[in-house]
C-alpha atoms as a PDB file:
ATOM      1  CA  MET A   1      48.448  13.313 -30.416  1.00  0.00           C
ATOM      2  CA  GLY A   2      49.257  10.574 -32.869  1.00  0.00           C
ATOM      3  CA  SER A   3      50.321   8.181 -30.091  1.00  0.00           C
ATOM      4  CA  ILE A   4      47.208   8.746 -27.925  1.00  0.00           C
ATOM      5  CA  LEU A   5      44.629   7.874 -30.620  1.00  0.00           C
ATOM      6  CA  PRO A   6      45.693   4.215 -31.052  1.00  0.00           C
ATOM      7  CA  LEU A   7      45.831   3.889 -27.262  1.00  0.00           C
ATOM      8  CA  ILE A   8      42.269   5.159 -26.868  1.00  0.00           C
ATOM      9  CA  THR A   9      40.840   3.093 -29.713  1.00  0.00           C
ATOM     10  CA  GLY A  10      42.868  -0.008 -28.857  1.00  0.00           C
ATOM     11  CA  SER A  11      43.003  -2.088 -25.687  1.00  0.00           C
ATOM     12  CA  ALA A  12      43.071   0.901 -23.348  1.00  0.00           C
ATOM     13  CA  GLY A  13      39.708   2.053 -24.730  1.00  0.00           C
ATOM     14  CA  ALA A  14      38.171  -1.334 -23.944  1.00  0.00           C
ATOM     15  CA  VAL A  15      39.575  -1.197 -20.415  1.00  0.00           C
ATOM     16  CA  VAL A  16      38.146   2.300 -19.928  1.00  0.00           C
ATOM     17  CA  VAL A  17      34.716   1.171 -21.146  1.00  0.00           C
ATOM     18  CA  LEU A  18      34.869  -1.897 -18.883  1.00  0.00           C
ATOM     19  CA  ALA A  19      35.952   0.211 -15.906  1.00  0.00           C
ATOM     20  CA  LEU A  20      33.174   2.719 -16.600  1.00  0.00           C
ATOM     21  CA  GLY A  21      30.594  -0.085 -16.819  1.00  0.00           C
ATOM     22  CA  CYS A  22      31.807  -1.619 -13.547  1.00  0.00           C
ATOM     23  CA  TRP A  23      31.769   1.763 -11.833  1.00  0.00           C
ATOM     24  CA  LEU A  24      28.201   2.452 -13.028  1.00  0.00           C
ATOM     25  CA  PHE A  25      27.014  -0.973 -11.879  1.00  0.00           C
ATOM     26  CA  LEU A  26      28.672  -0.758  -8.469  1.00  0.00           C
ATOM     27  CA  SER A  27      27.486   2.803  -7.876  1.00  0.00           C
ATOM     28  CA  GLY A  28      23.895   1.716  -8.510  1.00  0.00           C
ATOM     29  CA  LYS A  29      23.375   3.494 -11.804  1.00  0.00           C
ATOM     30  CA  LEU A  30      23.012   0.200 -13.733  1.00  0.00           C
ATOM     31  CA  HIS A  31      20.892  -2.711 -12.532  1.00  0.00           C
ATOM     32  CA  SER A  32      20.743  -6.349 -13.516  1.00  0.00           C
ATOM     33  CA  GLU A  33      17.665  -8.192 -14.744  1.00  0.00           C
ATOM     34  CA  ALA A  34      17.598 -10.182 -11.498  1.00  0.00           C
ATOM     35  CA  GLU A  35      17.199  -6.980  -9.517  1.00  0.00           C
ATOM     36  CA  PHE A  36      14.297  -5.857 -11.707  1.00  0.00           C
ATOM     37  CA  SER A  37      12.663  -9.282 -11.343  1.00  0.00           C
ATOM     38  CA  LYS A  38      13.067  -9.110  -7.572  1.00  0.00           C
ATOM     39  CA  LEU A  39      11.475  -5.663  -7.496  1.00  0.00           C
ATOM     40  CA  ALA A  40       8.595  -6.847  -9.682  1.00  0.00           C
ATOM     41  CA  ARG A  41       7.924  -9.764  -7.301  1.00  0.00           C
ATOM     42  CA  GLU A  42       8.110  -7.430  -4.322  1.00  0.00           C
ATOM     43  CA  ASN A  43       5.656  -5.032  -5.987  1.00  0.00           C
ATOM     44  CA  ASP A  44       3.254  -7.907  -6.648  1.00  0.00           C
ATOM     45  CA  ASP A  45       3.483  -8.966  -2.995  1.00  0.00           C
ATOM     46  CA  LEU A  46       2.838  -5.408  -1.852  1.00  0.00           C
ATOM     47  CA  LYS A  47      -0.152  -5.101  -4.181  1.00  0.00           C
ATOM     48  CA  GLY A  48      -1.603  -8.281  -2.678  1.00  0.00           C
ATOM     49  CA  ALA A  49      -1.064  -6.967   0.845  1.00  0.00           C
ATOM     50  CA  LEU A  50      -2.663  -3.652  -0.089  1.00  0.00           C
ATOM     51  CA  GLU A  51      -5.691  -5.431  -1.528  1.00  0.00           C
ATOM     52  CA  SER A  52      -6.155  -7.478   1.659  1.00  0.00           C
ATOM     53  CA  GLU A  53      -5.840  -4.304   3.758  1.00  0.00           C
ATOM     54  CA  ARG A  54      -8.503  -2.629   1.625  1.00  0.00           C
ATOM     55  CA  LYS A  55     -10.818  -5.595   2.128  1.00  0.00           C
ATOM     56  CA  ALA A  56     -10.253  -5.456   5.889  1.00  0.00           C
ATOM     57  CA  VAL A  57     -11.024  -1.741   5.977  1.00  0.00           C
ATOM     58  CA  ASP A  58     -14.172  -2.241   3.894  1.00  0.00           C
ATOM     59  CA  GLU A  59     -15.343  -5.005   6.248  1.00  0.00           C
ATOM     60  CA  ALA A  60     -14.668  -2.813   9.279  1.00  0.00           C
ATOM     61  CA  ALA A  61     -16.658   0.034   7.723  1.00  0.00           C
ATOM     62  CA  ARG A  62     -19.541  -2.316   6.916  1.00  0.00           C
ATOM     63  CA  THR A  63     -19.468  -3.678  10.464  1.00  0.00           C
ATOM     64  CA  GLY A  64     -19.588  -0.140  11.859  1.00  0.00           C
ATOM     65  CA  THR A  65     -22.562   0.707   9.655  1.00  0.00           C
ATOM     66  CA  ILE A  66     -24.443  -2.414  10.721  1.00  0.00           C
ATOM     67  CA  THR A  67     -23.684  -1.703  14.381  1.00  0.00           C
ATOM     68  CA  ASN A  68     -25.033   1.837  14.030  1.00  0.00           C
ATOM     69  CA  GLN A  69     -28.197   0.512  12.373  1.00  0.00           C
ATOM     70  CA  LEU A  70     -28.644  -2.030  15.163  1.00  0.00           C
ATOM     71  CA  ILE A  71     -28.239   0.617  17.867  1.00  0.00           C
ATOM     72  CA  SER A  72     -30.726   2.894  16.069  1.00  0.00           C
ATOM     73  CA  ALA A  73     -33.242   0.050  15.837  1.00  0.00           C
ATOM     74  CA  LEU A  74     -32.841  -0.736  19.547  1.00  0.00           C
ATOM     75  CA  ILE A  75     -33.371   2.916  20.432  1.00  0.00           C
ATOM     76  CA  GLN A  76     -36.522   3.038  18.291  1.00  0.00           C
ATOM     77  CA  VAL A  77     -37.888  -0.119  19.920  1.00  0.00           C
ATOM     78  CA  SER A  78     -37.104   1.255  23.351  1.00  0.00           C
ATOM     79  CA  THR A  79     -38.764   4.580  22.534  1.00  0.00           C
ATOM     80  CA  GLN A  80     -41.877   2.810  21.224  1.00  0.00           C
ATOM     81  CA  LYS A  81     -42.108   0.664  24.362  1.00  0.00           C
ATOM     82  CA  GLU A  82     -41.858   3.762  26.540  1.00  0.00           C
ATOM     83  CA  GLY A  83     -44.602   5.437  24.529  1.00  0.00           C
ATOM     84  CA  GLU A  84     -46.889   2.402  24.839  1.00  0.00           C
ATOM     85  CA  ARG A  85     -46.459   2.307  28.617  1.00  0.00           C
ATOM     86  CA  GLY A  86     -46.957   6.023  28.988  1.00  0.00           C
ATOM     87  CA  LEU A  87     -43.446   6.526  30.284  1.00  0.00           C
ATOM     88  CA  THR A  88     -41.408   9.643  29.798  1.00  0.00           C
ATOM     89  CA  ARG A  89     -37.799  10.360  30.565  1.00  0.00           C
ATOM     90  CA  GLU A  90     -38.800  12.061  33.827  1.00  0.00           C
ATOM     91  CA  GLY A  91     -40.902   9.093  34.937  1.00  0.00           C
ATOM     92  CA  PRO A  92     -44.477   7.791  34.521  1.00  0.00           C
ATOM     93  CA  GLU A  93     -47.169  10.217  33.448  1.00  0.00           C
ATOM     94  CA  ARG A  94     -49.822  11.105  36.032  1.00  0.00           C
END
C-alpha cells in the first residue's frame, strides 16, 4: 500500500485525471465554450425563424377573417338586391 500512494498522488495521478478529462470530453459529457456559443447562436436564429412564422400565421388568419367578412357583405348585398326586386330563391314572385 505504501508504494501505491505516491504513484496515485504523483505523475500517475495527473495522467489519470488527464485521461478522465479527455474521455469525458470525447464522450460528450464535457463541452467547450465554442460549442455553447454555437448553440446560443443557433437558438437565436431559431427564435427569429419562429417569430417570422408566427407573423405569417397571424397574417394568414387576418386575411381569412377579412375574406369571410367580404363574402358575408357580398351575400348581404345580394340578398338585399333580391328583396328589392321581389325575387325569391324559387324565382320571381307572382
